[in-house]
């Protein structure tokens, strides 16, 4: 993850020097703490990779895999149930499906 962080900061610093402090050694020392520190990057990375879903999204006639954060979906608990999810471009929504029947008020599970 440190290599991803270093590469990301280097790219952002060259493209947006005002926001990311350029690529000087002094700026790199300042990044040990603060908004663009490795610690903050690792926090954000863990949030995304523990809560995001990979979906296929139609892009210019092709289907492209993208990682998305879907509000509330990460709150489902895991169980060994048949389930799936997809992005519905017509409705513009993230959809969850399960083969198990649930009664009103019963907890719905997702297999991840």
PDB file of N, CA and C in Angstrom:
ATOM      1  N   UNK A   1       0.833  -1.201   0.000  1.00  0.00           N
ATOM      2  CA  UNK A   1       0.000   0.000   0.000  1.00  0.00           C
ATOM      3  C   UNK A   1       0.874   1.260   0.000  1.00  0.00           C
ATOM      4  N   UNK A   2       2.082   1.154   0.580  1.00  0.00           N
ATOM      5  CA  UNK A   2       2.976   2.319   0.582  1.00  0.00           C
ATOM      6  C   UNK A   2       3.403   2.697  -0.829  1.00  0.00           C
ATOM      7  N   UNK A   3       3.597   1.695  -1.694  1.00  0.00           N
ATOM      8  CA  UNK A   3       3.958   1.990  -3.082  1.00  0.00           C
ATOM      9  C   UNK A   3       2.815   2.693  -3.809  1.00  0.00           C
ATOM     10  N   UNK A   4       1.587   2.248  -3.558  1.00  0.00           N
ATOM     11  CA  UNK A   4       0.414   2.891  -4.170  1.00  0.00           C
ATOM     12  C   UNK A   4       0.317   4.330  -3.676  1.00  0.00           C
ATOM     13  N   UNK A   5       0.519   4.515  -2.379  1.00  0.00           N
ATOM     14  CA  UNK A   5       0.479   5.862  -1.784  1.00  0.00           C
ATOM     15  C   UNK A   5       1.532   6.764  -2.428  1.00  0.00           C
ATOM     16  N   UNK A   6       2.765   6.279  -2.485  1.00  0.00           N
ATOM     17  CA  UNK A   6       3.867   7.082  -3.037  1.00  0.00           C
ATOM     18  C   UNK A   6       3.583   7.454  -4.484  1.00  0.00           C
ATOM     19  N   UNK A   7       3.136   6.494  -5.273  1.00  0.00           N
ATOM     20  CA  UNK A   7       2.824   6.747  -6.672  1.00  0.00           C
ATOM     21  C   UNK A   7       1.671   7.742  -6.815  1.00  0.00           C
ATOM     22  N   UNK A   8       0.641   7.571  -5.991  1.00  0.00           N
ATOM     23  CA  UNK A   8      -0.523   8.460  -6.041  1.00  0.00           C
ATOM     24  C   UNK A   8      -0.142   9.887  -5.671  1.00  0.00           C
ATOM     25  N   UNK A   9       0.611  10.047  -4.587  1.00  0.00           N
ATOM     26  CA  UNK A   9       1.027  11.384  -4.151  1.00  0.00           C
ATOM     27  C   UNK A   9       1.926  12.028  -5.199  1.00  0.00           C
ATOM     28  N   UNK A  10       2.827  11.253  -5.779  1.00  0.00           N
ATOM     29  CA  UNK A  10       3.719  11.798  -6.812  1.00  0.00           C
ATOM     30  C   UNK A  10       2.893  12.317  -7.987  1.00  0.00           C
ATOM     31  N   UNK A  11       1.919  11.544  -8.438  1.00  0.00           N
ATOM     32  CA  UNK A  11       1.070  11.956  -9.561  1.00  0.00           C
ATOM     33  C   UNK A  11       0.259  13.188  -9.207  1.00  0.00           C
ATOM     34  N   UNK A  12      -0.381  13.175  -8.028  1.00  0.00           N
ATOM     35  CA  UNK A  12      -1.195  14.317  -7.616  1.00  0.00           C
ATOM     36  C   UNK A  12      -0.352  15.568  -7.417  1.00  0.00           C
ATOM     37  N   UNK A  13       0.849  15.420  -6.866  1.00  0.00           N
ATOM     38  CA  UNK A  13       1.737  16.565  -6.642  1.00  0.00           C
ATOM     39  C   UNK A  13       2.159  17.208  -7.951  1.00  0.00           C
ATOM     40  N   UNK A  14       2.401  16.390  -8.975  1.00  0.00           N
ATOM     41  CA  UNK A  14       2.811  16.959 -10.256  1.00  0.00           C
ATOM     42  C   UNK A  14       1.641  17.615 -10.987  1.00  0.00           C
ATOM     43  N   UNK A  15       0.444  17.046 -10.840  1.00  0.00           N
ATOM     44  CA  UNK A  15      -0.720  17.613 -11.528  1.00  0.00           C
ATOM     45  C   UNK A  15      -1.357  18.779 -10.775  1.00  0.00           C
ATOM     46  N   UNK A  16      -1.291  18.735  -9.441  1.00  0.00           N
ATOM     47  CA  UNK A  16      -1.934  19.751  -8.609  1.00  0.00           C
ATOM     48  C   UNK A  16      -0.963  20.241  -7.529  1.00  0.00           C
ATOM     49  N   UNK A  17       0.121  20.942  -7.929  1.00  0.00           N
ATOM     50  CA  UNK A  17       1.148  21.329  -6.952  1.00  0.00           C
ATOM     51  C   UNK A  17       0.635  22.251  -5.848  1.00  0.00           C
ATOM     52  N   UNK A  18      -0.332  23.079  -6.136  1.00  0.00           N
ATOM     53  CA  UNK A  18      -0.857  23.988  -5.112  1.00  0.00           C
ATOM     54  C   UNK A  18      -1.577  23.213  -4.011  1.00  0.00           C
ATOM     55  N   UNK A  19      -2.386  22.249  -4.380  1.00  0.00           N
ATOM     56  CA  UNK A  19      -3.155  21.475  -3.411  1.00  0.00           C
ATOM     57  C   UNK A  19      -2.311  20.423  -2.692  1.00  0.00           C
ATOM     58  N   UNK A  20      -1.298  19.859  -3.385  1.00  0.00           N
ATOM     59  CA  UNK A  20      -0.540  18.757  -2.807  1.00  0.00           C
ATOM     60  C   UNK A  20       0.908  19.111  -2.501  1.00  0.00           C
ATOM     61  N   UNK A  21       1.269  20.392  -2.588  1.00  0.00           N
ATOM     62  CA  UNK A  21       2.582  20.834  -2.133  1.00  0.00           C
ATOM     63  C   UNK A  21       3.752  20.500  -3.025  1.00  0.00           C
ATOM     64  N   UNK A  22       3.533  20.198  -4.281  1.00  0.00           N
ATOM     65  CA  UNK A  22       4.656  19.893  -5.161  1.00  0.00           C
ATOM     66  C   UNK A  22       5.355  18.611  -4.768  1.00  0.00           C
ATOM     67  N   UNK A  23       6.559  18.411  -5.281  1.00  0.00           N
ATOM     68  CA  UNK A  23       7.269  17.165  -5.016  1.00  0.00           C
ATOM     69  C   UNK A  23       8.574  17.383  -4.263  1.00  0.00           C
ATOM     70  N   UNK A  24       8.722  18.494  -3.587  1.00  0.00           N
ATOM     71  CA  UNK A  24       9.977  18.762  -2.886  1.00  0.00           C
ATOM     72  C   UNK A  24      10.138  17.853  -1.677  1.00  0.00           C
ATOM     73  N   UNK A  25      11.385  17.703  -1.243  1.00  0.00           N
ATOM     74  CA  UNK A  25      11.680  16.877  -0.071  1.00  0.00           C
ATOM     75  C   UNK A  25      10.978  17.436   1.158  1.00  0.00           C
ATOM     76  N   UNK A  26      10.933  18.763   1.284  1.00  0.00           N
ATOM     77  CA  UNK A  26      10.256  19.373   2.431  1.00  0.00           C
ATOM     78  C   UNK A  26       8.779  19.015   2.433  1.00  0.00           C
ATOM     79  N   UNK A  27       8.130  19.038   1.280  1.00  0.00           N
ATOM     80  CA  UNK A  27       6.714  18.667   1.210  1.00  0.00           C
ATOM     81  C   UNK A  27       6.520  17.206   1.593  1.00  0.00           C
ATOM     82  N   UNK A  28       7.441  16.352   1.168  1.00  0.00           N
ATOM     83  CA  UNK A  28       7.344  14.936   1.514  1.00  0.00           C
ATOM     84  C   UNK A  28       7.459  14.731   3.020  1.00  0.00           C
ATOM     85  N   UNK A  29       8.317  15.496   3.682  1.00  0.00           N
ATOM     86  CA  UNK A  29       8.440  15.381   5.137  1.00  0.00           C
ATOM     87  C   UNK A  29       7.148  15.806   5.821  1.00  0.00           C
ATOM     88  N   UNK A  30       6.498  16.842   5.325  1.00  0.00           N
ATOM     89  CA  UNK A  30       5.247  17.333   5.909  1.00  0.00           C
ATOM     90  C   UNK A  30       4.135  16.302   5.792  1.00  0.00           C
ATOM     91  N   UNK A  31       4.207  15.408   4.812  1.00  0.00           N
ATOM     92  CA  UNK A  31       3.140  14.441   4.573  1.00  0.00           C
ATOM     93  C   UNK A  31       3.116  13.308   5.584  1.00  0.00           C
ATOM     94  N   UNK A  32       4.077  13.240   6.484  1.00  0.00           N
ATOM     95  CA  UNK A  32       4.058  12.181   7.490  1.00  0.00           C
ATOM     96  C   UNK A  32       2.853  12.329   8.408  1.00  0.00           C
ATOM     97  N   UNK A  33       2.317  13.516   8.476  1.00  0.00           N
ATOM     98  CA  UNK A  33       1.091  13.763   9.229  1.00  0.00           C
ATOM     99  C   UNK A  33       0.202  14.662   8.375  1.00  0.00           C
ATOM    100  N   UNK A  34      -1.039  14.805   8.751  1.00  0.00           N
ATOM    101  CA  UNK A  34      -1.920  15.721   8.039  1.00  0.00           C
ATOM    102  C   UNK A  34      -2.820  15.035   7.041  1.00  0.00           C
ATOM    103  N   UNK A  35      -3.490  15.853   6.229  1.00  0.00           N
ATOM    104  CA  UNK A  35      -4.541  15.371   5.334  1.00  0.00           C
ATOM    105  C   UNK A  35      -4.041  14.404   4.270  1.00  0.00           C
ATOM    106  N   UNK A  36      -2.781  14.504   3.855  1.00  0.00           N
ATOM    107  CA  UNK A  36      -2.283  13.645   2.781  1.00  0.00           C
ATOM    108  C   UNK A  36      -1.206  12.686   3.281  1.00  0.00           C
ATOM    109  N   UNK A  37      -1.264  12.343   4.543  1.00  0.00           N
ATOM    110  CA  UNK A  37      -0.271  11.439   5.125  1.00  0.00           C
ATOM    111  C   UNK A  37      -0.550   9.993   4.729  1.00  0.00           C
ATOM    112  N   UNK A  38       0.452   9.150   4.890  1.00  0.00           N
ATOM    113  CA  UNK A  38       0.283   7.721   4.640  1.00  0.00           C
ATOM    114  C   UNK A  38      -0.806   7.160   5.540  1.00  0.00           C
ATOM    115  N   UNK A  39      -0.840   7.617   6.773  1.00  0.00           N
ATOM    116  CA  UNK A  39      -1.856   7.152   7.723  1.00  0.00           C
ATOM    117  C   UNK A  39      -3.268   7.469   7.223  1.00  0.00           C
ATOM    118  N   UNK A  40      -3.496   8.678   6.747  1.00  0.00           N
ATOM    119  CA  UNK A  40      -4.812   9.060   6.218  1.00  0.00           C
ATOM    120  C   UNK A  40      -5.132   8.296   4.936  1.00  0.00           C
ATOM    121  N   UNK A  41      -4.120   8.091   4.095  1.00  0.00           N
ATOM    122  CA  UNK A  41      -4.313   7.320   2.866  1.00  0.00           C
ATOM    123  C   UNK A  41      -4.729   5.893   3.192  1.00  0.00           C
ATOM    124  N   UNK A  42      -4.056   5.275   4.159  1.00  0.00           N
ATOM    125  CA  UNK A  42      -4.387   3.903   4.555  1.00  0.00           C
ATOM    126  C   UNK A  42      -5.800   3.821   5.119  1.00  0.00           C
ATOM    127  N   UNK A  43      -6.214   4.834   5.869  1.00  0.00           N
ATOM    128  CA  UNK A  43      -7.588   4.862   6.397  1.00  0.00           C
ATOM    129  C   UNK A  43      -8.581   4.883   5.227  1.00  0.00           C
ATOM    130  N   UNK A  44      -8.384   5.803   4.279  1.00  0.00           N
ATOM    131  CA  UNK A  44      -9.283   5.907   3.132  1.00  0.00           C
ATOM    132  C   UNK A  44      -9.288   4.646   2.289  1.00  0.00           C
ATOM    133  N   UNK A  45      -8.106   4.075   2.080  1.00  0.00           N
ATOM    134  CA  UNK A  45      -7.977   2.831   1.302  1.00  0.00           C
ATOM    135  C   UNK A  45      -8.768   1.710   1.964  1.00  0.00           C
ATOM    136  N   UNK A  46      -8.643   1.592   3.284  1.00  0.00           N
ATOM    137  CA  UNK A  46      -9.348   0.516   3.988  1.00  0.00           C
ATOM    138  C   UNK A  46     -10.862   0.722   3.953  1.00  0.00           C
ATOM    139  N   UNK A  47     -11.311   1.957   4.022  1.00  0.00           N
ATOM    140  CA  UNK A  47     -12.750   2.245   3.919  1.00  0.00           C
ATOM    141  C   UNK A  47     -13.269   1.810   2.553  1.00  0.00           C
ATOM    142  N   UNK A  48     -12.568   2.187   1.509  1.00  0.00           N
ATOM    143  CA  UNK A  48     -13.015   1.851   0.161  1.00  0.00           C
ATOM    144  C   UNK A  48     -12.990   0.348  -0.076  1.00  0.00           C
ATOM    145  N   UNK A  49     -11.881  -0.307   0.264  1.00  0.00           N
ATOM    146  CA  UNK A  49     -11.754  -1.720  -0.061  1.00  0.00           C
ATOM    147  C   UNK A  49     -12.532  -2.640   0.871  1.00  0.00           C
ATOM    148  N   UNK A  50     -13.002  -2.127   1.995  1.00  0.00           N
ATOM    149  CA  UNK A  50     -13.823  -2.969   2.867  1.00  0.00           C
ATOM    150  C   UNK A  50     -15.320  -2.727   2.666  1.00  0.00           C
ATOM    151  N   UNK A  51     -15.685  -1.678   1.943  1.00  0.00           N
ATOM    152  CA  UNK A  51     -17.099  -1.345   1.794  1.00  0.00           C
ATOM    153  C   UNK A  51     -17.567  -1.202   0.356  1.00  0.00           C
ATOM    154  N   UNK A  52     -16.647  -1.187  -0.581  1.00  0.00           N
ATOM    155  CA  UNK A  52     -17.007  -0.950  -1.976  1.00  0.00           C
ATOM    156  C   UNK A  52     -17.327  -2.253  -2.703  1.00  0.00           C
ATOM    157  N   UNK A  53     -18.000  -2.114  -3.809  1.00  0.00           N
ATOM    158  CA  UNK A  53     -18.387  -3.240  -4.653  1.00  0.00           C
ATOM    159  C   UNK A  53     -17.880  -2.990  -6.058  1.00  0.00           C
ATOM    160  N   UNK A  54     -17.450  -4.043  -6.744  1.00  0.00           N
ATOM    161  CA  UNK A  54     -17.084  -3.937  -8.149  1.00  0.00           C
ATOM    162  C   UNK A  54     -18.319  -4.245  -8.975  1.00  0.00           C
ATOM    163  N   UNK A  55     -18.675  -3.333  -9.851  1.00  0.00           N
ATOM    164  CA  UNK A  55     -19.827  -3.526 -10.719  1.00  0.00           C
ATOM    165  C   UNK A  55     -19.432  -3.235 -12.161  1.00  0.00           C
ATOM    166  N   UNK A  56     -20.229  -3.724 -13.082  1.00  0.00           N
ATOM    167  CA  UNK A  56     -20.034  -3.416 -14.492  1.00  0.00           C
ATOM    168  C   UNK A  56     -20.952  -2.269 -14.870  1.00  0.00           C
ATOM    169  N   UNK A  57     -20.364  -1.258 -15.482  1.00  0.00           N
ATOM    170  CA  UNK A  57     -21.109  -0.062 -15.870  1.00  0.00           C
ATOM    171  C   UNK A  57     -20.934   0.134 -17.376  1.00  0.00           C
ATOM    172  N   UNK A  58     -22.037   0.341 -18.104  1.00  0.00           N
ATOM    173  CA  UNK A  58     -21.893   0.588 -19.537  1.00  0.00           C
ATOM    174  C   UNK A  58     -21.210   1.933 -19.787  1.00  0.00           C
ATOM    175  N   UNK A  59     -20.135   1.892 -20.585  1.00  0.00           N
ATOM    176  CA  UNK A  59     -19.383   3.099 -20.908  1.00  0.00           C
ATOM    177  C   UNK A  59     -19.077   3.106 -22.397  1.00  0.00           C
ATOM    178  N   UNK A  60     -19.632   4.026 -23.136  1.00  0.00           N
ATOM    179  CA  UNK A  60     -19.386   4.165 -24.572  1.00  0.00           C
ATOM    180  C   UNK A  60     -19.555   2.848 -25.328  1.00  0.00           C
ATOM    181  N   UNK A  61     -20.625   2.140 -25.028  1.00  0.00           N
ATOM    182  CA  UNK A  61     -20.918   0.900 -25.727  1.00  0.00           C
ATOM    183  C   UNK A  61     -20.219  -0.330 -25.164  1.00  0.00           C
ATOM    184  N   UNK A  62     -19.378  -0.142 -24.172  1.00  0.00           N
ATOM    185  CA  UNK A  62     -18.682  -1.262 -23.545  1.00  0.00           C
ATOM    186  C   UNK A  62     -19.115  -1.362 -22.090  1.00  0.00           C
ATOM    187  N   UNK A  63     -18.805  -2.486 -21.473  1.00  0.00           N
ATOM    188  CA  UNK A  63     -19.071  -2.656 -20.040  1.00  0.00           C
ATOM    189  C   UNK A  63     -17.727  -2.573 -19.329  1.00  0.00           C
ATOM    190  N   UNK A  64     -17.634  -1.667 -18.406  1.00  0.00           N
ATOM    191  CA  UNK A  64     -16.385  -1.425 -17.681  1.00  0.00           C
ATOM    192  C   UNK A  64     -16.588  -1.715 -16.204  1.00  0.00           C
ATOM    193  N   UNK A  65     -15.641  -2.412 -15.572  1.00  0.00           N
ATOM    194  CA  UNK A  65     -15.724  -2.689 -14.135  1.00  0.00           C
ATOM    195  C   UNK A  65     -15.247  -1.460 -13.368  1.00  0.00           C
ATOM    196  N   UNK A  66     -16.058  -1.043 -12.422  1.00  0.00           N
ATOM    197  CA  UNK A  66     -15.722   0.099 -11.571  1.00  0.00           C
ATOM    198  C   UNK A  66     -15.998  -0.257 -10.124  1.00  0.00           C
ATOM    199  N   UNK A  67     -15.205   0.292  -9.242  1.00  0.00           N
ATOM    200  CA  UNK A  67     -15.417   0.101  -7.805  1.00  0.00           C
ATOM    201  C   UNK A  67     -16.277   1.271  -7.321  1.00  0.00           C
ATOM    202  N   UNK A  68     -17.381   0.947  -6.652  1.00  0.00           N
ATOM    203  CA  UNK A  68     -18.315   1.976  -6.202  1.00  0.00           C
ATOM    204  C   UNK A  68     -18.649   1.802  -4.727  1.00  0.00           C
ATOM    205  N   UNK A  69     -18.977   2.914  -4.115  1.00  0.00           N
ATOM    206  CA  UNK A  69     -19.512   2.905  -2.759  1.00  0.00           C
ATOM    207  C   UNK A  69     -21.022   3.064  -2.910  1.00  0.00           C
ATOM    208  N   UNK A  70     -21.771   2.123  -2.402  1.00  0.00           N
ATOM    209  CA  UNK A  70     -23.229   2.161  -2.473  1.00  0.00           C
ATOM    210  C   UNK A  70     -23.762   2.399  -1.061  1.00  0.00           C
ATOM    211  N   UNK A  71     -24.359   3.562  -0.816  1.00  0.00           N
ATOM    212  CA  UNK A  71     -24.835   3.871   0.537  1.00  0.00           C
ATOM    213  C   UNK A  71     -25.724   2.770   1.110  1.00  0.00           C
ATOM    214  N   UNK A  72     -25.457   2.396   2.324  1.00  0.00           N
ATOM    215  CA  UNK A  72     -26.207   1.420   3.121  1.00  0.00           C
ATOM    216  C   UNK A  72     -25.948  -0.041   2.748  1.00  0.00           C
ATOM    217  N   UNK A  73     -25.427  -0.333   1.577  1.00  0.00           N
ATOM    218  CA  UNK A  73     -25.197  -1.722   1.194  1.00  0.00           C
ATOM    219  C   UNK A  73     -24.156  -2.361   2.105  1.00  0.00           C
ATOM    220  N   UNK A  74     -23.178  -1.585   2.542  1.00  0.00           N
ATOM    221  CA  UNK A  74     -22.143  -2.139   3.417  1.00  0.00           C
ATOM    222  C   UNK A  74     -22.682  -2.488   4.807  1.00  0.00           C
ATOM    223  N   UNK A  75     -23.925  -2.161   5.091  1.00  0.00           N
ATOM    224  CA  UNK A  75     -24.508  -2.467   6.395  1.00  0.00           C
ATOM    225  C   UNK A  75     -25.153  -3.857   6.444  1.00  0.00           C
ATOM    226  N   UNK A  76     -25.277  -4.522   5.285  1.00  0.00           N
ATOM    227  CA  UNK A  76     -25.800  -5.886   5.275  1.00  0.00           C
ATOM    228  C   UNK A  76     -24.793  -6.812   5.939  1.00  0.00           C
ATOM    229  N   UNK A  77     -25.264  -7.757   6.715  1.00  0.00           N
ATOM    230  CA  UNK A  77     -24.392  -8.760   7.314  1.00  0.00           C
ATOM    231  C   UNK A  77     -24.192  -9.907   6.340  1.00  0.00           C
ATOM    232  N   UNK A  78     -23.100 -10.621   6.535  1.00  0.00           N
ATOM    233  CA  UNK A  78     -22.738 -11.734   5.662  1.00  0.00           C
ATOM    234  C   UNK A  78     -23.392 -13.034   6.125  1.00  0.00           C
ATOM    235  N   UNK A  79     -23.816 -13.823   5.171  1.00  0.00           N
ATOM    236  CA  UNK A  79     -24.293 -15.189   5.425  1.00  0.00           C
ATOM    237  C   UNK A  79     -24.113 -15.968   4.128  1.00  0.00           C
ATOM    238  N   UNK A  80     -24.082 -17.273   4.232  1.00  0.00           N
ATOM    239  CA  UNK A  80     -23.937 -18.117   3.049  1.00  0.00           C
ATOM    240  C   UNK A  80     -25.288 -18.275   2.363  1.00  0.00           C
ATOM    241  N   UNK A  81     -25.698 -17.223   1.684  1.00  0.00           N
ATOM    242  CA  UNK A  81     -26.956 -17.201   0.929  1.00  0.00           C
ATOM    243  C   UNK A  81     -26.627 -16.908  -0.528  1.00  0.00           C
ATOM    244  N   UNK A  82     -27.526 -17.332  -1.411  1.00  0.00           N
ATOM    245  CA  UNK A  82     -27.345 -16.988  -2.818  1.00  0.00           C
ATOM    246  C   UNK A  82     -27.776 -15.538  -2.998  1.00  0.00           C
ATOM    247  N   UNK A  83     -26.836 -14.703  -3.390  1.00  0.00           N
ATOM    248  CA  UNK A  83     -27.149 -13.296  -3.587  1.00  0.00           C
ATOM    249  C   UNK A  83     -26.282 -12.746  -4.706  1.00  0.00           C
ATOM    250  N   UNK A  84     -26.725 -11.663  -5.271  1.00  0.00           N
ATOM    251  CA  UNK A  84     -25.970 -10.984  -6.321  1.00  0.00           C
ATOM    252  C   UNK A  84     -26.341  -9.509  -6.305  1.00  0.00           C
ATOM    253  N   UNK A  85     -25.586  -8.746  -7.055  1.00  0.00           N
ATOM    254  CA  UNK A  85     -25.858  -7.310  -7.149  1.00  0.00           C
ATOM    255  C   UNK A  85     -25.446  -6.834  -8.532  1.00  0.00           C
ATOM    256  N   UNK A  86     -26.029  -5.729  -8.935  1.00  0.00           N
ATOM    257  CA  UNK A  86     -25.693  -5.135 -10.233  1.00  0.00           C
ATOM    258  C   UNK A  86     -26.100  -3.680 -10.241  1.00  0.00           C
ATOM    259  N   UNK A  87     -25.542  -2.948 -11.178  1.00  0.00           N
ATOM    260  CA  UNK A  87     -25.964  -1.580 -11.423  1.00  0.00           C
ATOM    261  C   UNK A  87     -26.963  -1.609 -12.565  1.00  0.00           C
ATOM    262  N   UNK A  88     -28.116  -0.987 -12.363  1.00  0.00           N
ATOM    263  CA  UNK A  88     -29.148  -0.915 -13.390  1.00  0.00           C
ATOM    264  C   UNK A  88     -29.058   0.479 -14.024  1.00  0.00           C
ATOM    265  N   UNK A  89     -28.469   0.577 -15.235  1.00  0.00           N
ATOM    266  CA  UNK A  89     -28.297   1.895 -15.853  1.00  0.00           C
ATOM    267  C   UNK A  89     -29.604   2.563 -16.274  1.00  0.00           C
ATOM    268  N   UNK A  90     -30.619   1.765 -16.547  1.00  0.00           N
ATOM    269  CA  UNK A  90     -31.913   2.333 -16.944  1.00  0.00           C
ATOM    270  C   UNK A  90     -32.543   3.069 -15.762  1.00  0.00           C
ATOM    271  N   UNK A  91     -32.522   2.423 -14.596  1.00  0.00           N
ATOM    272  CA  UNK A  91     -33.089   3.030 -13.385  1.00  0.00           C
ATOM    273  C   UNK A  91     -32.079   3.916 -12.655  1.00  0.00           C
ATOM    274  N   UNK A  92     -30.786   3.766 -12.999  1.00  0.00           N
ATOM    275  CA  UNK A  92     -29.745   4.535 -12.327  1.00  0.00           C
ATOM    276  C   UNK A  92     -29.595   4.137 -10.866  1.00  0.00           C
ATOM    277  N   UNK A  93     -29.677   2.828 -10.598  1.00  0.00           N
ATOM    278  CA  UNK A  93     -29.636   2.381  -9.197  1.00  0.00           C
ATOM    279  C   UNK A  93     -28.851   1.087  -9.045  1.00  0.00           C
ATOM    280  N   UNK A  94     -28.385   0.867  -7.845  1.00  0.00           N
ATOM    281  CA  UNK A  94     -27.677  -0.339  -7.440  1.00  0.00           C
ATOM    282  C   UNK A  94     -28.730  -1.315  -6.940  1.00  0.00           C
ATOM    283  N   UNK A  95     -28.727  -2.542  -7.462  1.00  0.00           N
ATOM    284  CA  UNK A  95     -29.763  -3.515  -7.105  1.00  0.00           C
ATOM    285  C   UNK A  95     -29.153  -4.750  -6.466  1.00  0.00           C
ATOM    286  N   UNK A  96     -29.797  -5.232  -5.422  1.00  0.00           N
ATOM    287  CA  UNK A  96     -29.402  -6.453  -4.722  1.00  0.00           C
ATOM    288  C   UNK A  96     -30.455  -7.512  -4.953  1.00  0.00           C
ATOM    289  N   UNK A  97     -29.993  -8.758  -5.128  1.00  0.00           N
ATOM    290  CA  UNK A  97     -30.903  -9.877  -5.316  1.00  0.00           C
ATOM    291  C   UNK A  97     -30.502 -11.018  -4.397  1.00  0.00           C
ATOM    292  N   UNK A  98     -31.483 -11.740  -3.898  1.00  0.00           N
ATOM    293  CA  UNK A  98     -31.229 -12.927  -3.101  1.00  0.00           C
ATOM    294  C   UNK A  98     -32.244 -13.995  -3.477  1.00  0.00           C
ATOM    295  N   UNK A  99     -31.805 -15.244  -3.423  1.00  0.00           N
ATOM    296  CA  UNK A  99     -32.696 -16.360  -3.755  1.00  0.00           C
ATOM    297  C   UNK A  99     -33.510 -16.798  -2.543  1.00  0.00           C
ATOM    298  N   UNK A 100     -33.182 -16.271  -1.389  1.00  0.00           N
ATOM    299  CA  UNK A 100     -33.877 -16.651  -0.164  1.00  0.00           C
ATOM    300  C   UNK A 100     -35.100 -15.756   0.042  1.00  0.00           C
ATOM    301  N   UNK A 101     -36.166 -16.346   0.533  1.00  0.00           N
ATOM    302  CA  UNK A 101     -37.373 -15.586   0.847  1.00  0.00           C
ATOM    303  C   UNK A 101     -37.241 -14.998   2.257  1.00  0.00           C
ATOM    304  N   UNK A 102     -37.583 -13.751   2.404  1.00  0.00           N
ATOM    305  CA  UNK A 102     -37.530 -13.088   3.709  1.00  0.00           C
ATOM    306  C   UNK A 102     -38.915 -12.591   4.087  1.00  0.00           C
ATOM    307  N   UNK A 103     -39.233 -12.706   5.342  1.00  0.00           N
ATOM    308  CA  UNK A 103     -40.490 -12.179   5.867  1.00  0.00           C
ATOM    309  C   UNK A 103     -40.305 -10.711   6.222  1.00  0.00           C
ATOM    310  N   UNK A 104     -41.389  -9.937   6.232  1.00  0.00           N
ATOM    311  CA  UNK A 104     -41.281  -8.527   6.633  1.00  0.00           C
ATOM    312  C   UNK A 104     -40.635  -8.407   8.019  1.00  0.00           C
ATOM    313  N   UNK A 105     -39.650  -7.532   8.115  1.00  0.00           N
ATOM    314  CA  UNK A 105     -38.959  -7.307   9.383  1.00  0.00           C
ATOM    315  C   UNK A 105     -37.785  -8.233   9.627  1.00  0.00           C
ATOM    316  N   UNK A 106     -37.621  -9.263   8.796  1.00  0.00           N
ATOM    317  CA  UNK A 106     -36.520 -10.211   8.955  1.00  0.00           C
ATOM    318  C   UNK A 106     -35.245  -9.619   8.344  1.00  0.00           C
ATOM    319  N   UNK A 107     -34.095  -9.911   8.964  1.00  0.00           N
ATOM    320  CA  UNK A 107     -32.827  -9.397   8.473  1.00  0.00           C
ATOM    321  C   UNK A 107     -32.481 -10.032   7.122  1.00  0.00           C
ATOM    322  N   UNK A 108     -32.066  -9.193   6.188  1.00  0.00           N
ATOM    323  CA  UNK A 108     -31.646  -9.655   4.860  1.00  0.00           C
ATOM    324  C   UNK A 108     -30.124  -9.755   4.853  1.00  0.00           C
ATOM    325  N   UNK A 109     -29.594 -10.859   4.330  1.00  0.00           N
ATOM    326  CA  UNK A 109     -28.158 -11.072   4.306  1.00  0.00           C
ATOM    327  C   UNK A 109     -27.620 -11.005   2.887  1.00  0.00           C
ATOM    328  N   UNK A 110     -26.342 -10.784   2.788  1.00  0.00           N
ATOM    329  CA  UNK A 110     -25.647 -10.706   1.530  1.00  0.00           C
ATOM    330  C   UNK A 110     -24.404 -11.583   1.628  1.00  0.00           C
ATOM    331  N   UNK A 111     -24.114 -12.343   0.604  1.00  0.00           N
ATOM    332  CA  UNK A 111     -22.923 -13.189   0.604  1.00  0.00           C
ATOM    333  C   UNK A 111     -21.777 -12.406  -0.007  1.00  0.00           C
ATOM    334  N   UNK A 112     -20.795 -12.045   0.811  1.00  0.00           N
ATOM    335  CA  UNK A 112     -19.609 -11.372   0.312  1.00  0.00           C
ATOM    336  C   UNK A 112     -18.388 -12.034   0.867  1.00  0.00           C
TER     337      UNK A 112
END
